[in-house]
Amino acid sequence: MARKPKRVVGGLKYLVCVDGSHQSKVAVRFACMRARNTGGRVALLHVIPPAEFQHWMAVEDAMQKERREETEKLLQDLAAEVNEWAGIMPELFVRDGELGEQILALLEEDTGINALVVGASPPTAAHGELISWLAGELAGSLRIPLTIVPGNLTDDQIISLT
């Protein structure tokens, strides 16, 4: 006999760091299923890194505008996916700066966030800076659980885990 998911009034708010990668999309789907099954909510955070060169202000401004437009498109696409998977609209956050600093700042500002969800690259991928930073720098200082979701999970595996 299948057990019904328990509904929690108010539920947990899952903050998912997104960057457009496959593994961040998997993390979004995981958070969606957790939120749907517990009556929770989803928030998406994308951090726009600082420009690498700042010699010409006009070029930097154009690059920043382009990155902002790409970010808005990414978040709108992911918001539609959250709505499809969980039947809710997520909160959307866009920050400029260093990724780790912006995560910490948002967690400090929004005390309603109950869990931080990030997607992990498969071991052969060169990515994983966020995971390494979170594990190394924040291991004992986060006030909420950190959930690391393997980026190679299938939709069926995500559903079975939540």
N, C-alpha and C. Protein backbone atom coordinates (compact mmCIF):
# COMPACT_ATOMS: atom_id res chain seq x y z
N MET A 1 0.84 -1.17 0.00
CA MET A 1 0.00 0.00 0.00
C MET A 1 0.89 1.24 0.00
N ALA A 2 0.64 2.12 -0.95
CA ALA A 2 1.42 3.36 -1.03
C ALA A 2 1.00 4.31 0.07
N ARG A 3 1.97 4.96 0.69
CA ARG A 3 1.61 5.91 1.73
C ARG A 3 1.46 7.29 1.12
N LYS A 4 0.51 8.02 1.66
CA LYS A 4 0.25 9.37 1.19
C LYS A 4 1.26 10.33 1.81
N PRO A 5 1.70 11.31 1.02
CA PRO A 5 2.61 12.30 1.60
C PRO A 5 1.91 13.14 2.66
N LYS A 6 2.63 13.42 3.71
CA LYS A 6 2.09 14.26 4.78
C LYS A 6 2.14 15.72 4.35
N ARG A 7 1.06 16.43 4.52
CA ARG A 7 1.00 17.85 4.19
C ARG A 7 1.28 18.67 5.44
N VAL A 8 2.14 19.62 5.31
CA VAL A 8 2.49 20.49 6.43
C VAL A 8 2.02 21.90 6.09
N VAL A 9 1.23 22.49 6.96
CA VAL A 9 0.76 23.84 6.72
C VAL A 9 1.95 24.79 6.81
N GLY A 10 2.10 25.62 5.81
CA GLY A 10 3.22 26.55 5.81
C GLY A 10 4.48 25.94 5.24
N GLY A 11 4.69 24.67 5.45
CA GLY A 11 5.80 23.91 4.87
C GLY A 11 7.15 24.59 4.89
N LEU A 12 8.12 23.88 4.44
CA LEU A 12 9.49 24.37 4.36
C LEU A 12 9.71 25.17 3.09
N LYS A 13 10.65 26.11 3.16
CA LYS A 13 11.04 26.84 1.96
C LYS A 13 12.42 26.35 1.56
N TYR A 14 12.50 25.82 0.34
CA TYR A 14 13.74 25.30 -0.21
C TYR A 14 14.36 26.34 -1.13
N LEU A 15 15.57 26.78 -0.82
CA LEU A 15 16.31 27.70 -1.68
C LEU A 15 17.21 26.88 -2.59
N VAL A 16 17.05 27.05 -3.90
CA VAL A 16 17.85 26.32 -4.87
C VAL A 16 18.74 27.32 -5.62
N CYS A 17 20.03 27.04 -5.63
CA CYS A 17 20.97 27.87 -6.39
C CYS A 17 20.97 27.34 -7.83
N VAL A 18 20.67 28.23 -8.77
CA VAL A 18 20.55 27.81 -10.16
C VAL A 18 21.52 28.59 -11.04
N ASP A 19 22.01 27.89 -12.07
CA ASP A 19 22.93 28.54 -13.00
C ASP A 19 22.68 28.12 -14.45
N GLY A 20 21.63 27.39 -14.69
CA GLY A 20 21.33 26.94 -16.05
C GLY A 20 21.93 25.59 -16.39
N SER A 21 22.75 25.05 -15.51
CA SER A 21 23.36 23.75 -15.78
C SER A 21 22.35 22.62 -15.55
N HIS A 22 22.69 21.45 -16.09
CA HIS A 22 21.82 20.29 -15.92
C HIS A 22 21.67 19.96 -14.44
N GLN A 23 22.76 20.00 -13.69
CA GLN A 23 22.69 19.62 -12.27
C GLN A 23 21.85 20.60 -11.46
N SER A 24 21.83 21.88 -11.83
CA SER A 24 20.97 22.79 -11.07
C SER A 24 19.50 22.54 -11.41
N LYS A 25 19.23 22.10 -12.63
CA LYS A 25 17.86 21.75 -13.00
C LYS A 25 17.38 20.52 -12.21
N VAL A 26 18.28 19.57 -12.02
CA VAL A 26 17.95 18.38 -11.21
C VAL A 26 17.66 18.80 -9.77
N ALA A 27 18.45 19.73 -9.24
CA ALA A 27 18.23 20.23 -7.87
C ALA A 27 16.87 20.92 -7.77
N VAL A 28 16.49 21.67 -8.80
CA VAL A 28 15.18 22.32 -8.81
C VAL A 28 14.07 21.28 -8.76
N ARG A 29 14.19 20.24 -9.56
CA ARG A 29 13.16 19.20 -9.57
C ARG A 29 13.07 18.48 -8.23
N PHE A 30 14.23 18.24 -7.61
CA PHE A 30 14.22 17.62 -6.28
C PHE A 30 13.49 18.52 -5.28
N ALA A 31 13.83 19.81 -5.27
CA ALA A 31 13.18 20.74 -4.34
C ALA A 31 11.68 20.83 -4.63
N CYS A 32 11.31 20.80 -5.89
CA CYS A 32 9.89 20.83 -6.26
C CYS A 32 9.13 19.64 -5.67
N MET A 33 9.71 18.49 -5.80
CA MET A 33 9.03 17.29 -5.28
C MET A 33 8.95 17.33 -3.76
N ARG A 34 10.01 17.78 -3.12
CA ARG A 34 9.97 17.90 -1.65
C ARG A 34 8.89 18.91 -1.24
N ALA A 35 8.84 20.04 -1.93
CA ALA A 35 7.86 21.08 -1.60
C ALA A 35 6.44 20.56 -1.86
N ARG A 36 6.24 19.91 -2.97
CA ARG A 36 4.90 19.40 -3.29
C ARG A 36 4.44 18.38 -2.27
N ASN A 37 5.35 17.53 -1.84
CA ASN A 37 4.99 16.46 -0.91
C ASN A 37 4.84 16.92 0.53
N THR A 38 5.32 18.11 0.83
CA THR A 38 5.25 18.59 2.22
C THR A 38 4.48 19.89 2.37
N GLY A 39 3.89 20.36 1.28
CA GLY A 39 3.19 21.64 1.34
C GLY A 39 4.14 22.81 1.46
N GLY A 40 5.35 22.63 0.94
CA GLY A 40 6.38 23.66 1.06
C GLY A 40 6.42 24.61 -0.10
N ARG A 41 7.49 25.39 -0.13
CA ARG A 41 7.70 26.41 -1.16
C ARG A 41 9.10 26.28 -1.73
N VAL A 42 9.29 26.89 -2.89
CA VAL A 42 10.59 26.87 -3.57
C VAL A 42 11.01 28.30 -3.87
N ALA A 43 12.27 28.58 -3.64
CA ALA A 43 12.87 29.86 -4.02
C ALA A 43 14.08 29.56 -4.89
N LEU A 44 14.25 30.34 -5.94
CA LEU A 44 15.38 30.15 -6.86
C LEU A 44 16.31 31.35 -6.77
N LEU A 45 17.60 31.07 -6.67
CA LEU A 45 18.61 32.13 -6.59
C LEU A 45 19.59 31.96 -7.73
N HIS A 46 19.79 33.03 -8.48
CA HIS A 46 20.85 33.07 -9.48
C HIS A 46 21.74 34.26 -9.16
N VAL A 47 23.03 34.00 -9.11
CA VAL A 47 23.99 35.06 -8.80
C VAL A 47 24.78 35.38 -10.07
N ILE A 48 24.76 36.66 -10.43
CA ILE A 48 25.52 37.14 -11.59
C ILE A 48 26.90 37.54 -11.09
N PRO A 49 27.94 36.85 -11.56
CA PRO A 49 29.29 37.18 -11.08
C PRO A 49 29.74 38.55 -11.57
N PRO A 50 30.68 39.16 -10.85
CA PRO A 50 31.19 40.46 -11.28
C PRO A 50 31.86 40.35 -12.65
N ALA A 51 31.83 41.45 -13.40
CA ALA A 51 32.49 41.49 -14.70
C ALA A 51 33.98 41.25 -14.53
N GLU A 52 34.57 40.56 -15.51
CA GLU A 52 35.99 40.23 -15.40
C GLU A 52 36.90 41.37 -15.80
N PHE A 53 36.42 42.22 -16.69
CA PHE A 53 37.27 43.37 -17.02
C PHE A 53 36.44 44.63 -16.89
N GLN A 54 37.09 45.66 -16.44
CA GLN A 54 36.37 46.89 -16.15
C GLN A 54 37.06 48.10 -16.78
N HIS A 55 37.70 47.88 -17.93
CA HIS A 55 38.43 48.97 -18.56
C HIS A 55 37.51 49.97 -19.24
N TRP A 56 36.49 49.47 -19.90
CA TRP A 56 35.57 50.37 -20.60
C TRP A 56 34.19 50.22 -19.99
N MET A 57 33.72 51.27 -19.37
CA MET A 57 32.45 51.25 -18.66
C MET A 57 31.29 50.88 -19.59
N ALA A 58 31.28 51.39 -20.82
CA ALA A 58 30.18 51.11 -21.76
C ALA A 58 30.12 49.62 -22.09
N VAL A 59 31.27 49.00 -22.30
CA VAL A 59 31.31 47.56 -22.59
C VAL A 59 30.84 46.78 -21.37
N GLU A 60 31.30 47.16 -20.21
CA GLU A 60 30.89 46.48 -18.98
C GLU A 60 29.38 46.60 -18.77
N ASP A 61 28.82 47.78 -19.00
CA ASP A 61 27.38 47.99 -18.85
C ASP A 61 26.60 47.11 -19.82
N ALA A 62 27.06 47.02 -21.05
CA ALA A 62 26.39 46.18 -22.05
C ALA A 62 26.44 44.72 -21.65
N MET A 63 27.59 44.28 -21.15
CA MET A 63 27.73 42.89 -20.72
C MET A 63 26.81 42.60 -19.53
N GLN A 64 26.74 43.53 -18.61
CA GLN A 64 25.88 43.36 -17.43
C GLN A 64 24.41 43.28 -17.83
N LYS A 65 24.01 44.13 -18.77
CA LYS A 65 22.62 44.12 -19.25
C LYS A 65 22.31 42.78 -19.91
N GLU A 66 23.23 42.27 -20.72
CA GLU A 66 23.04 40.99 -21.39
C GLU A 66 22.94 39.85 -20.37
N ARG A 67 23.79 39.86 -19.37
CA ARG A 67 23.73 38.81 -18.34
C ARG A 67 22.42 38.89 -17.56
N ARG A 68 21.94 40.09 -17.29
CA ARG A 68 20.68 40.27 -16.57
C ARG A 68 19.52 39.71 -17.39
N GLU A 69 19.52 39.98 -18.70
CA GLU A 69 18.46 39.45 -19.58
C GLU A 69 18.50 37.93 -19.63
N GLU A 70 19.69 37.34 -19.72
CA GLU A 70 19.84 35.88 -19.72
C GLU A 70 19.34 35.30 -18.40
N THR A 71 19.65 35.98 -17.30
CA THR A 71 19.22 35.52 -15.98
C THR A 71 17.71 35.54 -15.87
N GLU A 72 17.09 36.62 -16.33
CA GLU A 72 15.62 36.70 -16.27
C GLU A 72 14.97 35.60 -17.08
N LYS A 73 15.50 35.30 -18.25
CA LYS A 73 14.97 34.21 -19.09
C LYS A 73 15.13 32.88 -18.37
N LEU A 74 16.32 32.63 -17.82
CA LEU A 74 16.57 31.40 -17.08
C LEU A 74 15.58 31.23 -15.94
N LEU A 75 15.40 32.27 -15.13
CA LEU A 75 14.50 32.17 -13.98
C LEU A 75 13.05 32.01 -14.40
N GLN A 76 12.63 32.66 -15.47
CA GLN A 76 11.25 32.49 -15.95
C GLN A 76 11.02 31.06 -16.44
N ASP A 77 12.00 30.50 -17.15
CA ASP A 77 11.89 29.10 -17.62
C ASP A 77 11.82 28.15 -16.44
N LEU A 78 12.68 28.37 -15.44
CA LEU A 78 12.68 27.49 -14.26
C LEU A 78 11.42 27.69 -13.43
N ALA A 79 10.89 28.90 -13.36
CA ALA A 79 9.64 29.13 -12.64
C ALA A 79 8.50 28.35 -13.27
N ALA A 80 8.47 28.30 -14.59
CA ALA A 80 7.45 27.50 -15.29
C ALA A 80 7.61 26.03 -14.96
N GLU A 81 8.84 25.58 -14.86
CA GLU A 81 9.10 24.18 -14.51
C GLU A 81 8.67 23.88 -13.07
N VAL A 82 8.95 24.80 -12.16
CA VAL A 82 8.52 24.63 -10.77
C VAL A 82 7.00 24.54 -10.72
N ASN A 83 6.32 25.39 -11.46
CA ASN A 83 4.86 25.37 -11.49
C ASN A 83 4.35 24.03 -12.03
N GLU A 84 5.01 23.53 -13.06
CA GLU A 84 4.62 22.25 -13.65
C GLU A 84 4.84 21.10 -12.67
N TRP A 85 5.99 21.08 -12.01
CA TRP A 85 6.35 19.97 -11.12
C TRP A 85 5.65 20.04 -9.77
N ALA A 86 5.52 21.24 -9.21
CA ALA A 86 5.03 21.36 -7.84
C ALA A 86 3.68 22.06 -7.74
N GLY A 87 3.23 22.68 -8.83
CA GLY A 87 1.97 23.39 -8.78
C GLY A 87 2.03 24.69 -7.99
N ILE A 88 3.22 25.26 -7.86
CA ILE A 88 3.41 26.51 -7.13
C ILE A 88 4.31 27.43 -7.95
N MET A 89 4.25 28.71 -7.64
CA MET A 89 5.17 29.66 -8.26
C MET A 89 6.28 29.95 -7.25
N PRO A 90 7.52 29.87 -7.69
CA PRO A 90 8.64 30.09 -6.78
C PRO A 90 8.91 31.57 -6.55
N GLU A 91 9.61 31.85 -5.47
CA GLU A 91 10.19 33.17 -5.28
C GLU A 91 11.46 33.21 -6.12
N LEU A 92 11.73 34.34 -6.73
CA LEU A 92 12.91 34.47 -7.58
C LEU A 92 13.84 35.53 -7.01
N PHE A 93 15.12 35.18 -6.92
CA PHE A 93 16.13 36.11 -6.42
C PHE A 93 17.26 36.21 -7.42
N VAL A 94 17.65 37.43 -7.73
CA VAL A 94 18.81 37.68 -8.57
C VAL A 94 19.75 38.56 -7.76
N ARG A 95 20.99 38.14 -7.68
CA ARG A 95 22.00 38.89 -6.93
C ARG A 95 23.21 39.09 -7.82
N ASP A 96 23.91 40.18 -7.60
CA ASP A 96 25.17 40.46 -8.28
C ASP A 96 26.29 40.32 -7.26
N GLY A 97 27.36 39.62 -7.64
CA GLY A 97 28.50 39.51 -6.74
C GLY A 97 29.08 38.11 -6.73
N GLU A 98 29.79 37.82 -5.66
CA GLU A 98 30.40 36.50 -5.49
C GLU A 98 29.33 35.53 -4.99
N LEU A 99 29.31 34.35 -5.55
CA LEU A 99 28.27 33.36 -5.28
C LEU A 99 28.11 33.06 -3.80
N GLY A 100 29.16 32.64 -3.16
CA GLY A 100 29.07 32.27 -1.74
C GLY A 100 28.61 33.40 -0.86
N GLU A 101 29.13 34.59 -1.10
CA GLU A 101 28.74 35.76 -0.30
C GLU A 101 27.25 36.06 -0.47
N GLN A 102 26.76 35.92 -1.69
CA GLN A 102 25.36 36.23 -1.95
C GLN A 102 24.42 35.19 -1.36
N ILE A 103 24.84 33.94 -1.34
CA ILE A 103 24.03 32.90 -0.69
C ILE A 103 23.90 33.22 0.80
N LEU A 104 25.04 33.50 1.42
CA LEU A 104 25.03 33.81 2.85
C LEU A 104 24.19 35.05 3.15
N ALA A 105 24.30 36.07 2.31
CA ALA A 105 23.54 37.31 2.52
C ALA A 105 22.04 37.03 2.44
N LEU A 106 21.62 36.24 1.46
CA LEU A 106 20.20 35.94 1.32
C LEU A 106 19.70 35.11 2.50
N LEU A 107 20.48 34.15 2.94
CA LEU A 107 20.08 33.34 4.10
C LEU A 107 19.96 34.20 5.35
N GLU A 108 20.81 35.21 5.47
CA GLU A 108 20.74 36.12 6.60
C GLU A 108 19.48 36.99 6.53
N GLU A 109 19.16 37.45 5.33
CA GLU A 109 18.00 38.34 5.14
C GLU A 109 16.67 37.61 5.22
N ASP A 110 16.61 36.41 4.68
CA ASP A 110 15.34 35.66 4.62
C ASP A 110 15.41 34.48 5.59
N THR A 111 14.99 34.71 6.80
CA THR A 111 15.06 33.65 7.82
C THR A 111 13.99 32.60 7.63
N GLY A 112 13.13 32.78 6.63
CA GLY A 112 12.11 31.78 6.31
C GLY A 112 12.62 30.64 5.45
N ILE A 113 13.85 30.75 4.98
CA ILE A 113 14.44 29.67 4.18
C ILE A 113 14.86 28.56 5.13
N ASN A 114 14.40 27.33 4.84
CA ASN A 114 14.64 26.20 5.74
C ASN A 114 15.69 25.22 5.25
N ALA A 115 16.01 25.25 3.95
CA ALA A 115 16.98 24.31 3.41
C ALA A 115 17.61 24.90 2.16
N LEU A 116 18.90 24.65 1.99
CA LEU A 116 19.64 25.08 0.81
C LEU A 116 19.87 23.85 -0.05
N VAL A 117 19.46 23.92 -1.32
CA VAL A 117 19.57 22.78 -2.23
C VAL A 117 20.48 23.16 -3.38
N VAL A 118 21.49 22.35 -3.63
CA VAL A 118 22.40 22.58 -4.76
C VAL A 118 22.59 21.28 -5.51
N GLY A 119 22.81 21.42 -6.80
CA GLY A 119 23.07 20.25 -7.64
C GLY A 119 24.56 20.03 -7.77
N ALA A 120 24.95 18.76 -7.74
CA ALA A 120 26.37 18.40 -7.85
C ALA A 120 26.65 17.78 -9.21
N SER A 121 27.77 18.16 -9.78
CA SER A 121 28.21 17.59 -11.04
C SER A 121 28.65 16.16 -10.83
N PRO A 122 28.52 15.34 -11.86
CA PRO A 122 29.09 13.99 -11.75
C PRO A 122 30.60 14.10 -11.49
N PRO A 123 31.19 13.08 -10.87
CA PRO A 123 32.60 13.16 -10.48
C PRO A 123 33.57 13.47 -11.62
N THR A 124 33.19 13.16 -12.85
CA THR A 124 34.10 13.41 -13.97
C THR A 124 34.08 14.85 -14.44
N ALA A 125 33.09 15.60 -14.04
CA ALA A 125 32.99 17.00 -14.49
C ALA A 125 33.94 17.89 -13.71
N ALA A 126 34.34 18.97 -14.32
CA ALA A 126 35.29 19.90 -13.68
C ALA A 126 34.59 20.91 -12.78
N HIS A 127 33.27 20.90 -12.80
CA HIS A 127 32.53 21.86 -11.98
C HIS A 127 32.48 21.37 -10.54
N GLY A 128 31.93 22.12 -9.69
CA GLY A 128 31.82 21.71 -8.31
C GLY A 128 32.39 22.73 -7.35
N GLU A 129 32.67 23.93 -7.87
CA GLU A 129 33.23 24.97 -7.02
C GLU A 129 32.30 25.31 -5.87
N LEU A 130 31.01 25.42 -6.16
CA LEU A 130 30.04 25.76 -5.11
C LEU A 130 30.01 24.68 -4.04
N ILE A 131 29.96 23.42 -4.45
CA ILE A 131 29.90 22.32 -3.49
C ILE A 131 31.15 22.32 -2.62
N SER A 132 32.30 22.46 -3.24
CA SER A 132 33.55 22.49 -2.48
C SER A 132 33.57 23.65 -1.50
N TRP A 133 33.13 24.82 -1.97
CA TRP A 133 33.12 25.99 -1.10
C TRP A 133 32.15 25.80 0.05
N LEU A 134 30.94 25.32 -0.25
CA LEU A 134 29.95 25.12 0.81
C LEU A 134 30.44 24.10 1.84
N ALA A 135 30.99 23.00 1.36
CA ALA A 135 31.46 21.95 2.27
C ALA A 135 32.67 22.42 3.08
N GLY A 136 33.57 23.15 2.45
CA GLY A 136 34.79 23.57 3.13
C GLY A 136 34.62 24.78 4.02
N GLU A 137 33.95 25.79 3.53
CA GLU A 137 33.84 27.06 4.24
C GLU A 137 32.65 27.14 5.19
N LEU A 138 31.58 26.44 4.85
CA LEU A 138 30.35 26.61 5.62
C LEU A 138 29.96 25.40 6.45
N ALA A 139 30.78 24.38 6.45
CA ALA A 139 30.40 23.12 7.07
C ALA A 139 29.66 23.27 8.39
N GLY A 140 30.19 24.07 9.29
CA GLY A 140 29.55 24.19 10.59
C GLY A 140 28.82 25.49 10.84
N SER A 141 28.76 26.36 9.83
CA SER A 141 28.18 27.67 10.11
C SER A 141 26.80 27.90 9.50
N LEU A 142 26.32 27.02 8.65
CA LEU A 142 24.96 27.19 8.12
C LEU A 142 23.95 26.95 9.23
N ARG A 143 22.88 27.70 9.23
CA ARG A 143 21.82 27.53 10.22
C ARG A 143 20.71 26.62 9.70
N ILE A 144 20.87 26.17 8.47
CA ILE A 144 19.87 25.31 7.83
C ILE A 144 20.57 24.13 7.18
N PRO A 145 19.83 23.05 6.90
CA PRO A 145 20.45 21.91 6.23
C PRO A 145 20.86 22.24 4.80
N LEU A 146 21.95 21.65 4.38
CA LEU A 146 22.44 21.74 3.01
C LEU A 146 22.15 20.40 2.35
N THR A 147 21.38 20.43 1.27
CA THR A 147 21.07 19.21 0.53
C THR A 147 21.81 19.26 -0.79
N ILE A 148 22.67 18.28 -1.01
CA ILE A 148 23.43 18.18 -2.25
C ILE A 148 22.78 17.08 -3.08
N VAL A 149 22.28 17.46 -4.25
CA VAL A 149 21.56 16.53 -5.11
C VAL A 149 22.47 16.12 -6.26
N PRO A 150 22.71 14.82 -6.43
CA PRO A 150 23.54 14.38 -7.56
C PRO A 150 22.91 14.82 -8.88
N GLY A 151 23.68 15.43 -9.73
CA GLY A 151 23.17 15.95 -10.99
C GLY A 151 22.83 14.90 -12.02
N ASN A 152 23.15 13.65 -11.74
CA ASN A 152 22.85 12.59 -12.71
C ASN A 152 21.58 11.81 -12.37
N LEU A 153 20.79 12.29 -11.40
CA LEU A 153 19.54 11.61 -11.08
C LEU A 153 18.53 11.79 -12.20
N THR A 154 17.78 10.74 -12.45
CA THR A 154 16.69 10.81 -13.42
C THR A 154 15.44 11.33 -12.73
N ASP A 155 14.46 11.72 -13.52
CA ASP A 155 13.19 12.16 -12.94
C ASP A 155 12.56 11.07 -12.09
N ASP A 156 12.62 9.82 -12.56
CA ASP A 156 12.05 8.71 -11.78
C ASP A 156 12.78 8.54 -10.45
N GLN A 157 14.10 8.69 -10.45
CA GLN A 157 14.86 8.58 -9.20
C GLN A 157 14.50 9.71 -8.25
N ILE A 158 14.33 10.91 -8.77
CA ILE A 158 13.94 12.05 -7.93
C ILE A 158 12.58 11.78 -7.28
N ILE A 159 11.65 11.31 -8.08
CA ILE A 159 10.30 11.02 -7.56
C ILE A 159 10.37 9.95 -6.48
N SER A 160 11.17 8.93 -6.68
CA SER A 160 11.25 7.85 -5.69
C SER A 160 11.93 8.29 -4.40
N LEU A 161 12.81 9.29 -4.47
CA LEU A 161 13.51 9.78 -3.30
C LEU A 161 12.68 10.73 -2.45
N THR A 162 11.69 11.34 -3.05
CA THR A 162 10.92 12.34 -2.33
C THR A 162 9.59 11.78 -1.99
